[in-house]
Structures are given as C-alpha cells and as structure tokens.
Amino acid sequence: MSSKIQVQRICEYCKEEFTAKKTTTKYCSHKCNSRHYKEKVKQAKISKSNEETTHKITLEVEKLNVLEFLTPKQVSVLLSCSIKTVYRNIKKGNIKAINFGERTIRVKRSDIDDLFKM
C-alpha cells in the first residue's frame, strides 16, 4: 500500500528544499546521500588520525619525563618549540648545557624544570 503523503523537507547535505514521500527522508537524492556519507567517513578518519597523533606525542613526552639528561632535540619536544630555539637559548645562557664533545650536547632535566620555577 503506497503512501500519498507529501512532506516538504530540507536536504541535510545540500540544504535545498524538496518534497519527500516519507517522513524519515533526509536527503533530496541518492547523490546527496552518498556524498554526505563519504564526508562523514572522511571526517571520522581525520579525527581518528588526529587522536593517534596526539597520543603519540603524549607518549613521547612521558618517555622524556623519565630521562635525567636530554638532547637539544628532546628538549625541543618537551618545550614544544623548534630545535633552533633551544640552541639559541643555550647560546644565550638561558638553558644550561654540558658539551661532552664536538657533537654531544646534554641538558640536565632539573635545569629545564628550574626555568619554569622562576
């Protein structure tokens, strides 16, 4: 038994008005339905990727919290700034660093913590 109901609705994807034969219809066409579905799937993938990225960053920072001596790269991750900024602050004397050799620079974790206690 077919329904003779005609309801004016607004499409959830393209926001245009259309006549629906059912009260549960959300889209004006199959094209809008599939485009909206693809958009929702894409947004879900993006949000999942963003969550994984933030999770990886927090894991990396937690690993750095255990170490006593840090490299300039690890300090930049911990402070969330660039490596050049860390080297610039070491050169200025804002961050105390120990140079073990030509290419081995280490920063004591307690010195980084003392920067923020002032």
PDB file of N, CA and C in Angstrom:
ATOM      1  N   MET A   1       0.845  -1.169   0.000  1.00  0.00           N
ATOM      2  CA  MET A   1       0.000   0.000   0.000  1.00  0.00           C
ATOM      3  C   MET A   1       0.895   1.238   0.000  1.00  0.00           C
ATOM      4  N   SER A   2       0.784   2.070  -0.970  1.00  0.00           N
ATOM      5  CA  SER A   2       1.643   3.238  -1.092  1.00  0.00           C
ATOM      6  C   SER A   2       1.051   4.415  -0.323  1.00  0.00           C
ATOM      7  N   SER A   3       1.947   5.278   0.075  1.00  0.00           N
ATOM      8  CA  SER A   3       1.537   6.442   0.855  1.00  0.00           C
ATOM      9  C   SER A   3       1.319   7.625  -0.073  1.00  0.00           C
ATOM     10  N   LYS A   4       0.330   8.415   0.215  1.00  0.00           N
ATOM     11  CA  LYS A   4       0.044   9.611  -0.574  1.00  0.00           C
ATOM     12  C   LYS A   4       0.561  10.868   0.124  1.00  0.00           C
ATOM     13  N   ILE A   5       1.321  10.662   1.192  1.00  0.00           N
ATOM     14  CA  ILE A   5       1.832  11.798   1.958  1.00  0.00           C
ATOM     15  C   ILE A   5       2.933  12.496   1.161  1.00  0.00           C
ATOM     16  N   GLN A   6       2.898  13.812   1.178  1.00  0.00           N
ATOM     17  CA  GLN A   6       3.967  14.609   0.587  1.00  0.00           C
ATOM     18  C   GLN A   6       4.369  15.660   1.613  1.00  0.00           C
ATOM     19  N   VAL A   7       5.626  15.581   2.032  1.00  0.00           N
ATOM     20  CA  VAL A   7       6.132  16.459   3.079  1.00  0.00           C
ATOM     21  C   VAL A   7       7.263  17.302   2.507  1.00  0.00           C
ATOM     22  N   GLN A   8       7.257  18.589   2.812  1.00  0.00           N
ATOM     23  CA  GLN A   8       8.345  19.469   2.396  1.00  0.00           C
ATOM     24  C   GLN A   8       9.484  19.326   3.407  1.00  0.00           C
ATOM     25  N   ARG A   9      10.658  18.964   2.927  1.00  0.00           N
ATOM     26  CA  ARG A   9      11.825  18.749   3.778  1.00  0.00           C
ATOM     27  C   ARG A   9      13.005  19.550   3.228  1.00  0.00           C
ATOM     28  N   ILE A  10      14.045  19.659   4.040  1.00  0.00           N
ATOM     29  CA  ILE A  10      15.290  20.305   3.623  1.00  0.00           C
ATOM     30  C   ILE A  10      16.390  19.247   3.663  1.00  0.00           C
ATOM     31  N   CYS A  11      17.105  19.131   2.570  1.00  0.00           N
ATOM     32  CA  CYS A  11      18.172  18.133   2.441  1.00  0.00           C
ATOM     33  C   CYS A  11      19.285  18.441   3.452  1.00  0.00           C
ATOM     34  N   GLU A  12      19.788  17.413   4.132  1.00  0.00           N
ATOM     35  CA  GLU A  12      20.837  17.593   5.129  1.00  0.00           C
ATOM     36  C   GLU A  12      22.191  17.901   4.502  1.00  0.00           C
ATOM     37  N   TYR A  13      22.367  17.578   3.238  1.00  0.00           N
ATOM     38  CA  TYR A  13      23.663  17.808   2.603  1.00  0.00           C
ATOM     39  C   TYR A  13      23.683  19.131   1.836  1.00  0.00           C
ATOM     40  N   CYS A  14      22.751  19.295   0.894  1.00  0.00           N
ATOM     41  CA  CYS A  14      22.795  20.485   0.035  1.00  0.00           C
ATOM     42  C   CYS A  14      21.908  21.621   0.537  1.00  0.00           C
ATOM     43  N   LYS A  15      21.112  21.390   1.571  1.00  0.00           N
ATOM     44  CA  LYS A  15      20.256  22.391   2.214  1.00  0.00           C
ATOM     45  C   LYS A  15      19.173  22.949   1.289  1.00  0.00           C
ATOM     46  N   GLU A  16      18.796  22.198   0.271  1.00  0.00           N
ATOM     47  CA  GLU A  16      17.720  22.625  -0.624  1.00  0.00           C
ATOM     48  C   GLU A  16      16.410  21.974  -0.197  1.00  0.00           C
ATOM     49  N   GLU A  17      15.319  22.641  -0.495  1.00  0.00           N
ATOM     50  CA  GLU A  17      14.004  22.122  -0.141  1.00  0.00           C
ATOM     51  C   GLU A  17      13.545  21.126  -1.200  1.00  0.00           C
ATOM     52  N   PHE A  18      12.905  20.030  -0.745  1.00  0.00           N
ATOM     53  CA  PHE A  18      12.405  19.008  -1.660  1.00  0.00           C
ATOM     54  C   PHE A  18      11.147  18.398  -1.073  1.00  0.00           C
ATOM     55  N   THR A  19      10.409  17.686  -1.924  1.00  0.00           N
ATOM     56  CA  THR A  19       9.191  17.016  -1.490  1.00  0.00           C
ATOM     57  C   THR A  19       9.509  15.550  -1.218  1.00  0.00           C
ATOM     58  N   ALA A  20       9.233  15.112   0.017  1.00  0.00           N
ATOM     59  CA  ALA A  20       9.503  13.735   0.418  1.00  0.00           C
ATOM     60  C   ALA A  20       8.197  12.964   0.501  1.00  0.00           C
ATOM     61  N   LYS A  21       8.262  11.677   0.215  1.00  0.00           N
ATOM     62  CA  LYS A  21       7.084  10.821   0.301  1.00  0.00           C
ATOM     63  C   LYS A  21       7.019  10.091   1.637  1.00  0.00           C
ATOM     64  N   LYS A  22       8.116  10.135   2.388  1.00  0.00           N
ATOM     65  CA  LYS A  22       8.155   9.518   3.708  1.00  0.00           C
ATOM     66  C   LYS A  22       8.569  10.579   4.721  1.00  0.00           C
ATOM     67  N   THR A  23       8.219  10.385   5.952  1.00  0.00           N
ATOM     68  CA  THR A  23       8.571  11.362   6.982  1.00  0.00           C
ATOM     69  C   THR A  23      10.007  11.193   7.469  1.00  0.00           C
ATOM     70  N   THR A  24      10.637  10.089   7.132  1.00  0.00           N
ATOM     71  CA  THR A  24      12.003   9.824   7.590  1.00  0.00           C
ATOM     72  C   THR A  24      13.066  10.192   6.562  1.00  0.00           C
ATOM     73  N   THR A  25      12.681  10.670   5.399  1.00  0.00           N
ATOM     74  CA  THR A  25      13.632  11.002   4.341  1.00  0.00           C
ATOM     75  C   THR A  25      14.482  12.199   4.764  1.00  0.00           C
ATOM     76  N   LYS A  26      15.798  12.089   4.580  1.00  0.00           N
ATOM     77  CA  LYS A  26      16.720  13.144   4.991  1.00  0.00           C
ATOM     78  C   LYS A  26      17.380  13.861   3.813  1.00  0.00           C
ATOM     79  N   TYR A  27      17.484  13.177   2.671  1.00  0.00           N
ATOM     80  CA  TYR A  27      18.227  13.713   1.537  1.00  0.00           C
ATOM     81  C   TYR A  27      17.319  13.840   0.324  1.00  0.00           C
ATOM     82  N   CYS A  28      17.644  14.791  -0.551  1.00  0.00           N
ATOM     83  CA  CYS A  28      16.819  15.013  -1.730  1.00  0.00           C
ATOM     84  C   CYS A  28      17.091  13.973  -2.814  1.00  0.00           C
ATOM     85  N   SER A  29      18.271  13.376  -2.807  1.00  0.00           N
ATOM     86  CA  SER A  29      18.606  12.390  -3.836  1.00  0.00           C
ATOM     87  C   SER A  29      19.634  11.394  -3.300  1.00  0.00           C
ATOM     88  N   HIS A  30      19.827  10.343  -4.073  1.00  0.00           N
ATOM     89  CA  HIS A  30      20.834   9.339  -3.719  1.00  0.00           C
ATOM     90  C   HIS A  30      22.237   9.951  -3.782  1.00  0.00           C
ATOM     91  N   LYS A  31      22.424  10.892  -4.694  1.00  0.00           N
ATOM     92  CA  LYS A  31      23.713  11.559  -4.858  1.00  0.00           C
ATOM     93  C   LYS A  31      24.091  12.322  -3.578  1.00  0.00           C
ATOM     94  N   CYS A  32      23.141  13.072  -3.026  1.00  0.00           N
ATOM     95  CA  CYS A  32      23.400  13.809  -1.787  1.00  0.00           C
ATOM     96  C   CYS A  32      23.646  12.852  -0.625  1.00  0.00           C
ATOM     97  N   ASN A  33      22.902  11.763  -0.600  1.00  0.00           N
ATOM     98  CA  ASN A  33      23.068  10.768   0.455  1.00  0.00           C
ATOM     99  C   ASN A  33      24.476  10.186   0.427  1.00  0.00           C
ATOM    100  N   SER A  34      24.950   9.777  -0.739  1.00  0.00           N
ATOM    101  CA  SER A  34      26.277   9.164  -0.835  1.00  0.00           C
ATOM    102  C   SER A  34      27.383  10.188  -0.572  1.00  0.00           C
ATOM    103  N   ARG A  35      27.197  11.426  -1.002  1.00  0.00           N
ATOM    104  CA  ARG A  35      28.210  12.454  -0.749  1.00  0.00           C
ATOM    105  C   ARG A  35      28.314  12.758   0.751  1.00  0.00           C
ATOM    106  N   HIS A  36      27.170  12.831   1.405  1.00  0.00           N
ATOM    107  CA  HIS A  36      27.182  13.103   2.840  1.00  0.00           C
ATOM    108  C   HIS A  36      27.818  11.938   3.605  1.00  0.00           C
ATOM    109  N   TYR A  37      27.536  10.722   3.181  1.00  0.00           N
ATOM    110  CA  TYR A  37      28.133   9.539   3.811  1.00  0.00           C
ATOM    111  C   TYR A  37      29.654   9.566   3.665  1.00  0.00           C
ATOM    112  N   LYS A  38      30.120   9.864   2.447  1.00  0.00           N
ATOM    113  CA  LYS A  38      31.562   9.912   2.208  1.00  0.00           C
ATOM    114  C   LYS A  38      32.217  11.003   3.049  1.00  0.00           C
ATOM    115  N   GLU A  39      31.533  12.123   3.199  1.00  0.00           N
ATOM    116  CA  GLU A  39      32.063  13.219   4.002  1.00  0.00           C
ATOM    117  C   GLU A  39      32.168  12.812   5.480  1.00  0.00           C
ATOM    118  N   LYS A  40      31.148  12.110   5.979  1.00  0.00           N
ATOM    119  CA  LYS A  40      31.177  11.650   7.370  1.00  0.00           C
ATOM    120  C   LYS A  40      32.306  10.644   7.590  1.00  0.00           C
ATOM    121  N   VAL A  41      32.505   9.732   6.642  1.00  0.00           N
ATOM    122  CA  VAL A  41      33.576   8.743   6.756  1.00  0.00           C
ATOM    123  C   VAL A  41      34.935   9.436   6.744  1.00  0.00           C
ATOM    124  N   LYS A  42      35.083  10.432   5.881  1.00  0.00           N
ATOM    125  CA  LYS A  42      36.337  11.171   5.782  1.00  0.00           C
ATOM    126  C   LYS A  42      36.632  11.904   7.092  1.00  0.00           C
ATOM    127  N   GLN A  43      35.620  12.555   7.663  1.00  0.00           N
ATOM    128  CA  GLN A  43      35.800  13.263   8.924  1.00  0.00           C
ATOM    129  C   GLN A  43      36.153  12.303  10.058  1.00  0.00           C
ATOM    130  N   ALA A  44      35.552  11.115  10.037  1.00  0.00           N
ATOM    131  CA  ALA A  44      35.861  10.117  11.063  1.00  0.00           C
ATOM    132  C   ALA A  44      37.323   9.673  10.959  1.00  0.00           C
ATOM    133  N   LYS A  45      37.813   9.470   9.728  1.00  0.00           N
ATOM    134  CA  LYS A  45      39.209   9.081   9.530  1.00  0.00           C
ATOM    135  C   LYS A  45      40.153  10.180  10.009  1.00  0.00           C
ATOM    136  N   ILE A  46      39.810  11.431   9.700  1.00  0.00           N
ATOM    137  CA  ILE A  46      40.652  12.557  10.096  1.00  0.00           C
ATOM    138  C   ILE A  46      40.709  12.672  11.611  1.00  0.00           C
ATOM    139  N   SER A  47      39.566  12.554  12.266  1.00  0.00           N
ATOM    140  CA  SER A  47      39.551  12.672  13.725  1.00  0.00           C
ATOM    141  C   SER A  47      40.317  11.518  14.381  1.00  0.00           C
ATOM    142  N   LYS A  48      40.205  10.328  13.814  1.00  0.00           N
ATOM    143  CA  LYS A  48      40.950   9.182  14.349  1.00  0.00           C
ATOM    144  C   LYS A  48      42.451   9.410  14.199  1.00  0.00           C
ATOM    145  N   SER A  49      42.861   9.932  13.050  1.00  0.00           N
ATOM    146  CA  SER A  49      44.271  10.216  12.809  1.00  0.00           C
ATOM    147  C   SER A  49      44.786  11.279  13.781  1.00  0.00           C
ATOM    148  N   ASN A  50      43.984  12.315  14.019  1.00  0.00           N
ATOM    149  CA  ASN A  50      44.380  13.364  14.960  1.00  0.00           C
ATOM    150  C   ASN A  50      44.526  12.814  16.377  1.00  0.00           C
ATOM    151  N   GLU A  51      43.631  11.930  16.774  1.00  0.00           N
ATOM    152  CA  GLU A  51      43.718  11.317  18.101  1.00  0.00           C
ATOM    153  C   GLU A  51      44.983  10.476  18.229  1.00  0.00           C
ATOM    154  N   GLU A  52      45.314   9.718  17.186  1.00  0.00           N
ATOM    155  CA  GLU A  52      46.527   8.900  17.212  1.00  0.00           C
ATOM    156  C   GLU A  52      47.771   9.778  17.314  1.00  0.00           C
ATOM    157  N   THR A  53      47.769  10.899  16.600  1.00  0.00           N
ATOM    158  CA  THR A  53      48.908  11.809  16.625  1.00  0.00           C
ATOM    159  C   THR A  53      49.103  12.393  18.016  1.00  0.00           C
ATOM    160  N   THR A  54      48.035  12.856  18.631  1.00  0.00           N
ATOM    161  CA  THR A  54      48.159  13.417  19.978  1.00  0.00           C
ATOM    162  C   THR A  54      48.580  12.346  20.978  1.00  0.00           C
ATOM    163  N   HIS A  55      48.119  11.123  20.768  1.00  0.00           N
ATOM    164  CA  HIS A  55      48.507  10.020  21.652  1.00  0.00           C
ATOM    165  C   HIS A  55      50.005   9.741  21.532  1.00  0.00           C
ATOM    166  N   LYS A  56      50.527   9.757  20.304  1.00  0.00           N
ATOM    167  CA  LYS A  56      51.959   9.523  20.096  1.00  0.00           C
ATOM    168  C   LYS A  56      52.787  10.623  20.744  1.00  0.00           C
ATOM    169  N   ILE A  57      52.319  11.870  20.633  1.00  0.00           N
ATOM    170  CA  ILE A  57      53.053  12.994  21.210  1.00  0.00           C
ATOM    171  C   ILE A  57      53.088  12.880  22.730  1.00  0.00           C
ATOM    172  N   THR A  58      51.960  12.531  23.325  1.00  0.00           N
ATOM    173  CA  THR A  58      51.929  12.406  24.787  1.00  0.00           C
ATOM    174  C   THR A  58      52.806  11.249  25.263  1.00  0.00           C
ATOM    175  N   LEU A  59      52.844  10.157  24.501  1.00  0.00           N
ATOM    176  CA  LEU A  59      53.729   9.048  24.866  1.00  0.00           C
ATOM    177  C   LEU A  59      55.191   9.473  24.815  1.00  0.00           C
ATOM    178  N   GLU A  60      55.535  10.255  23.795  1.00  0.00           N
ATOM    179  CA  GLU A  60      56.914  10.710  23.640  1.00  0.00           C
ATOM    180  C   GLU A  60      57.308  11.624  24.798  1.00  0.00           C
ATOM    181  N   VAL A  61      56.408  12.507  25.203  1.00  0.00           N
ATOM    182  CA  VAL A  61      56.692  13.410  26.312  1.00  0.00           C
ATOM    183  C   VAL A  61      56.804  12.630  27.620  1.00  0.00           C
ATOM    184  N   GLU A  62      55.973  11.621  27.802  1.00  0.00           N
ATOM    185  CA  GLU A  62      56.057  10.796  29.009  1.00  0.00           C
ATOM    186  C   GLU A  62      57.387  10.049  29.081  1.00  0.00           C
ATOM    187  N   LYS A  63      57.887   9.601  27.937  1.00  0.00           N
ATOM    188  CA  LYS A  63      59.192   8.932  27.915  1.00  0.00           C
ATOM    189  C   LYS A  63      60.305   9.910  28.302  1.00  0.00           C
ATOM    190  N   LEU A  64      60.164  11.170  27.874  1.00  0.00           N
ATOM    191  CA  LEU A  64      61.184  12.171  28.166  1.00  0.00           C
ATOM    192  C   LEU A  64      61.173  12.584  29.636  1.00  0.00           C
ATOM    193  N   ASN A  65      60.039  12.454  30.296  1.00  0.00           N
ATOM    194  CA  ASN A  65      59.955  12.832  31.708  1.00  0.00           C
ATOM    195  C   ASN A  65      60.811  11.937  32.597  1.00  0.00           C
ATOM    196  N   VAL A  66      61.125  10.745  32.142  1.00  0.00           N
ATOM    197  CA  VAL A  66      61.910   9.792  32.933  1.00  0.00           C
ATOM    198  C   VAL A  66      63.406  10.090  32.835  1.00  0.00           C
ATOM    199  N   LEU A  67      63.856  10.602  31.699  1.00  0.00           N
ATOM    200  CA  LEU A  67      65.289  10.797  31.456  1.00  0.00           C
ATOM    201  C   LEU A  67      65.860  11.939  32.293  1.00  0.00           C
ATOM    202  N   GLU A  68      67.106  11.775  32.743  1.00  0.00           N
ATOM    203  CA  GLU A  68      67.781  12.802  33.540  1.00  0.00           C
ATOM    204  C   GLU A  68      68.506  13.812  32.639  1.00  0.00           C
ATOM    205  N   PHE A  69      69.151  13.319  31.572  1.00  0.00           N
ATOM    206  CA  PHE A  69      69.851  14.191  30.634  1.00  0.00           C
ATOM    207  C   PHE A  69      69.175  14.101  29.270  1.00  0.00           C
ATOM    208  N   LEU A  70      68.981  15.266  28.647  1.00  0.00           N
ATOM    209  CA  LEU A  70      68.248  15.337  27.385  1.00  0.00           C
ATOM    210  C   LEU A  70      69.115  15.951  26.298  1.00  0.00           C
ATOM    211  N   THR A  71      68.856  15.544  25.062  1.00  0.00           N
ATOM    212  CA  THR A  71      69.491  16.174  23.910  1.00  0.00           C
ATOM    213  C   THR A  71      68.687  17.424  23.549  1.00  0.00           C
ATOM    214  N   PRO A  72      69.266  18.334  22.768  1.00  0.00           N
ATOM    215  CA  PRO A  72      68.504  19.518  22.356  1.00  0.00           C
ATOM    216  C   PRO A  72      67.206  19.175  21.608  1.00  0.00           C
ATOM    217  N   LYS A  73      67.226  18.106  20.833  1.00  0.00           N
ATOM    218  CA  LYS A  73      66.010  17.703  20.128  1.00  0.00           C
ATOM    219  C   LYS A  73      64.932  17.266  21.120  1.00  0.00           C
ATOM    220  N   GLN A  74      65.323  16.517  22.141  1.00  0.00           N
ATOM    221  CA  GLN A  74      64.364  16.088  23.158  1.00  0.00           C
ATOM    222  C   GLN A  74      63.841  17.280  23.957  1.00  0.00           C
ATOM    223  N   VAL A  75      64.708  18.256  24.202  1.00  0.00           N
ATOM    224  CA  VAL A  75      64.278  19.472  24.901  1.00  0.00           C
ATOM    225  C   VAL A  75      63.255  20.224  24.058  1.00  0.00           C
ATOM    226  N   SER A  76      63.471  20.259  22.745  1.00  0.00           N
ATOM    227  CA  SER A  76      62.524  20.959  21.869  1.00  0.00           C
ATOM    228  C   SER A  76      61.167  20.272  21.860  1.00  0.00           C
ATOM    229  N   VAL A  77      61.147  18.948  21.932  1.00  0.00           N
ATOM    230  CA  VAL A  77      59.876  18.217  22.009  1.00  0.00           C
ATOM    231  C   VAL A  77      59.198  18.498  23.340  1.00  0.00           C
ATOM    232  N   LEU A  78      59.979  18.508  24.400  1.00  0.00           N
ATOM    233  CA  LEU A  78      59.442  18.728  25.737  1.00  0.00           C
ATOM    234  C   LEU A  78      58.865  20.134  25.889  1.00  0.00           C
ATOM    235  N   LEU A  79      59.551  21.117  25.321  1.00  0.00           N
ATOM    236  CA  LEU A  79      59.092  22.506  25.416  1.00  0.00           C
ATOM    237  C   LEU A  79      58.171  22.898  24.272  1.00  0.00           C
ATOM    238  N   SER A  80      57.992  22.004  23.321  1.00  0.00           N
ATOM    239  CA  SER A  80      57.195  22.228  22.102  1.00  0.00           C
ATOM    240  C   SER A  80      57.621  23.505  21.382  1.00  0.00           C
ATOM    241  N   CYS A  81      58.904  23.559  21.070  1.00  0.00           N
ATOM    242  CA  CYS A  81      59.462  24.645  20.274  1.00  0.00           C
ATOM    243  C   CYS A  81      60.446  24.035  19.279  1.00  0.00           C
ATOM    244  N   SER A  82      61.056  24.876  18.467  1.00  0.00           N
ATOM    245  CA  SER A  82      61.974  24.347  17.459  1.00  0.00           C
ATOM    246  C   SER A  82      63.351  24.068  18.071  1.00  0.00           C
ATOM    247  N   ILE A  83      64.127  23.272  17.349  1.00  0.00           N
ATOM    248  CA  ILE A  83      65.474  22.931  17.816  1.00  0.00           C
ATOM    249  C   ILE A  83      66.360  24.175  17.794  1.00  0.00           C
ATOM    250  N   LYS A  84      66.154  25.025  16.799  1.00  0.00           N
ATOM    251  CA  LYS A  84      66.948  26.253  16.706  1.00  0.00           C
ATOM    252  C   LYS A  84      66.716  27.151  17.916  1.00  0.00           C
ATOM    253  N   THR A  85      65.485  27.175  18.411  1.00  0.00           N
ATOM    254  CA  THR A  85      65.183  27.971  19.600  1.00  0.00           C
ATOM    255  C   THR A  85      65.942  27.435  20.809  1.00  0.00           C
ATOM    256  N   VAL A  86      66.026  26.130  20.925  1.00  0.00           N
ATOM    257  CA  VAL A  86      66.767  25.523  22.036  1.00  0.00           C
ATOM    258  C   VAL A  86      68.243  25.884  21.929  1.00  0.00           C
ATOM    259  N   TYR A  87      68.829  25.745  20.742  1.00  0.00           N
ATOM    260  CA  TYR A  87      70.237  26.088  20.561  1.00  0.00           C
ATOM    261  C   TYR A  87      70.477  27.575  20.836  1.00  0.00           C
ATOM    262  N   ARG A  88      69.548  28.428  20.416  1.00  0.00           N
ATOM    263  CA  ARG A  88      69.667  29.863  20.646  1.00  0.00           C
ATOM    264  C   ARG A  88      69.666  30.159  22.153  1.00  0.00           C
ATOM    265  N   ASN A  89      68.785  29.489  22.894  1.00  0.00           N
ATOM    266  CA  ASN A  89      68.726  29.698  24.342  1.00  0.00           C
ATOM    267  C   ASN A  89      69.945  29.126  25.051  1.00  0.00           C
ATOM    268  N   ILE A  90      70.514  28.055  24.521  1.00  0.00           N
ATOM    269  CA  ILE A  90      71.758  27.515  25.082  1.00  0.00           C
ATOM    270  C   ILE A  90      72.891  28.511  24.867  1.00  0.00           C
ATOM    271  N   LYS A  91      72.942  29.094  23.675  1.00  0.00           N
ATOM    272  CA  LYS A  91      73.995  30.057  23.355  1.00  0.00           C
ATOM    273  C   LYS A  91      73.872  31.323  24.209  1.00  0.00           C
ATOM    274  N   LYS A  92      72.622  31.769  24.454  1.00  0.00           N
ATOM    275  CA  LYS A  92      72.395  32.954  25.286  1.00  0.00           C
ATOM    276  C   LYS A  92      72.674  32.684  26.763  1.00  0.00           C
ATOM    277  N   GLY A  93      72.589  31.426  27.154  1.00  0.00           N
ATOM    278  CA  GLY A  93      72.808  31.080  28.551  1.00  0.00           C
ATOM    279  C   GLY A  93      71.519  30.887  29.329  1.00  0.00           C
ATOM    280  N   ASN A  94      70.389  30.959  28.651  1.00  0.00           N
ATOM    281  CA  ASN A  94      69.104  30.744  29.324  1.00  0.00           C
ATOM    282  C   ASN A  94      68.936  29.288  29.744  1.00  0.00           C
ATOM    283  N   ILE A  95      69.448  28.385  28.929  1.00  0.00           N
ATOM    284  CA  ILE A  95      69.411  26.957  29.241  1.00  0.00           C
ATOM    285  C   ILE A  95      70.849  26.506  29.463  1.00  0.00           C
ATOM    286  N   LYS A  96      71.105  25.923  30.629  1.00  0.00           N
ATOM    287  CA  LYS A  96      72.447  25.427  30.926  1.00  0.00           C
ATOM    288  C   LYS A  96      72.636  24.086  30.229  1.00  0.00           C
ATOM    289  N   ALA A  97      73.738  23.972  29.492  1.00  0.00           N
ATOM    290  CA  ALA A  97      74.013  22.741  28.753  1.00  0.00           C
ATOM    291  C   ALA A  97      75.455  22.316  28.982  1.00  0.00           C
ATOM    292  N   ILE A  98      75.679  21.032  28.867  1.00  0.00           N
ATOM    293  CA  ILE A  98      77.012  20.457  29.018  1.00  0.00           C
ATOM    294  C   ILE A  98      77.433  19.909  27.661  1.00  0.00           C
ATOM    295  N   ASN A  99      78.616  20.318  27.214  1.00  0.00           N
ATOM    296  CA  ASN A  99      79.134  19.870  25.933  1.00  0.00           C
ATOM    297  C   ASN A  99      80.170  18.776  26.194  1.00  0.00           C
ATOM    298  N   PHE A 100      79.805  17.525  25.945  1.00  0.00           N
ATOM    299  CA  PHE A 100      80.701  16.398  26.200  1.00  0.00           C
ATOM    300  C   PHE A 100      81.748  16.240  25.108  1.00  0.00           C
ATOM    301  N   GLY A 101      81.441  16.683  23.945  1.00  0.00           N
ATOM    302  CA  GLY A 101      82.362  16.544  22.830  1.00  0.00           C
ATOM    303  C   GLY A 101      81.991  17.564  21.776  1.00  0.00           C
ATOM    304  N   GLU A 102      82.435  17.282  20.570  1.00  0.00           N
ATOM    305  CA  GLU A 102      82.142  18.217  19.497  1.00  0.00           C
ATOM    306  C   GLU A 102      80.659  18.218  19.130  1.00  0.00           C
ATOM    307  N   ARG A 103      80.027  17.060  19.193  1.00  0.00           N
ATOM    308  CA  ARG A 103      78.635  16.942  18.764  1.00  0.00           C
ATOM    309  C   ARG A 103      77.696  16.421  19.853  1.00  0.00           C
ATOM    310  N   THR A 104      78.171  16.302  21.061  1.00  0.00           N
ATOM    311  CA  THR A 104      77.322  15.754  22.120  1.00  0.00           C
ATOM    312  C   THR A 104      77.003  16.839  23.138  1.00  0.00           C
ATOM    313  N   ILE A 105      75.801  17.358  23.057  1.00  0.00           N
ATOM    314  CA  ILE A 105      75.320  18.364  23.996  1.00  0.00           C
ATOM    315  C   ILE A 105      74.211  17.727  24.813  1.00  0.00           C
ATOM    316  N   ARG A 106      74.289  17.889  26.123  1.00  0.00           N
ATOM    317  CA  ARG A 106      73.261  17.356  27.005  1.00  0.00           C
ATOM    318  C   ARG A 106      72.773  18.465  27.930  1.00  0.00           C
ATOM    319  N   VAL A 107      71.482  18.426  28.205  1.00  0.00           N
ATOM    320  CA  VAL A 107      70.856  19.391  29.095  1.00  0.00           C
ATOM    321  C   VAL A 107      70.279  18.613  30.269  1.00  0.00           C
ATOM    322  N   LYS A 108      70.559  19.085  31.467  1.00  0.00           N
ATOM    323  CA  LYS A 108      70.058  18.411  32.655  1.00  0.00           C
ATOM    324  C   LYS A 108      68.565  18.711  32.815  1.00  0.00           C
ATOM    325  N   ARG A 109      67.815  17.704  33.146  1.00  0.00           N
ATOM    326  CA  ARG A 109      66.356  17.824  33.272  1.00  0.00           C
ATOM    327  C   ARG A 109      65.978  18.838  34.359  1.00  0.00           C
ATOM    328  N   SER A 110      66.718  18.853  35.450  1.00  0.00           N
ATOM    329  CA  SER A 110      66.408  19.773  36.548  1.00  0.00           C
ATOM    330  C   SER A 110      66.593  21.233  36.124  1.00  0.00           C
ATOM    331  N   ASP A 111      67.533  21.501  35.185  1.00  0.00           N
ATOM    332  CA  ASP A 111      67.719  22.864  34.682  1.00  0.00           C
ATOM    333  C   ASP A 111      66.503  23.325  33.878  1.00  0.00           C
ATOM    334  N   ILE A 112      65.909  22.411  33.132  1.00  0.00           N
ATOM    335  CA  ILE A 112      64.697  22.743  32.373  1.00  0.00           C
ATOM    336  C   ILE A 112      63.547  23.034  33.340  1.00  0.00           C
ATOM    337  N   ASP A 113      63.445  22.224  34.392  1.00  0.00           N
ATOM    338  CA  ASP A 113      62.388  22.436  35.387  1.00  0.00           C
ATOM    339  C   ASP A 113      62.580  23.755  36.129  1.00  0.00           C
ATOM    340  N   ASP A 114      63.849  24.132  36.383  1.00  0.00           N
ATOM    341  CA  ASP A 114      64.132  25.386  37.082  1.00  0.00           C
ATOM    342  C   ASP A 114      63.763  26.606  36.247  1.00  0.00           C
ATOM    343  N   LEU A 115      63.759  26.487  34.936  1.00  0.00           N
ATOM    344  CA  LEU A 115      63.360  27.608  34.078  1.00  0.00           C
ATOM    345  C   LEU A 115      61.937  28.066  34.381  1.00  0.00           C
ATOM    346  N   PHE A 116      61.082  27.127  34.714  1.00  0.00           N
ATOM    347  CA  PHE A 116      59.673  27.451  34.906  1.00  0.00           C
ATOM    348  C   PHE A 116      59.315  27.725  36.365  1.00  0.00           C
ATOM    349  N   LYS A 117      60.269  27.529  37.273  1.00  0.00           N
ATOM    350  CA  LYS A 117      60.011  27.812  38.687  1.00  0.00           C
ATOM    351  C   LYS A 117      60.195  29.283  39.020  1.00  0.00           C
ATOM    352  N   MET A 118      60.891  30.017  38.164  1.00  0.00           N
ATOM    353  CA  MET A 118      61.172  31.429  38.440  1.00  0.00           C
ATOM    354  C   MET A 118      59.936  32.218  38.440  1.00  0.00           C
TER     355      MET A 118
END
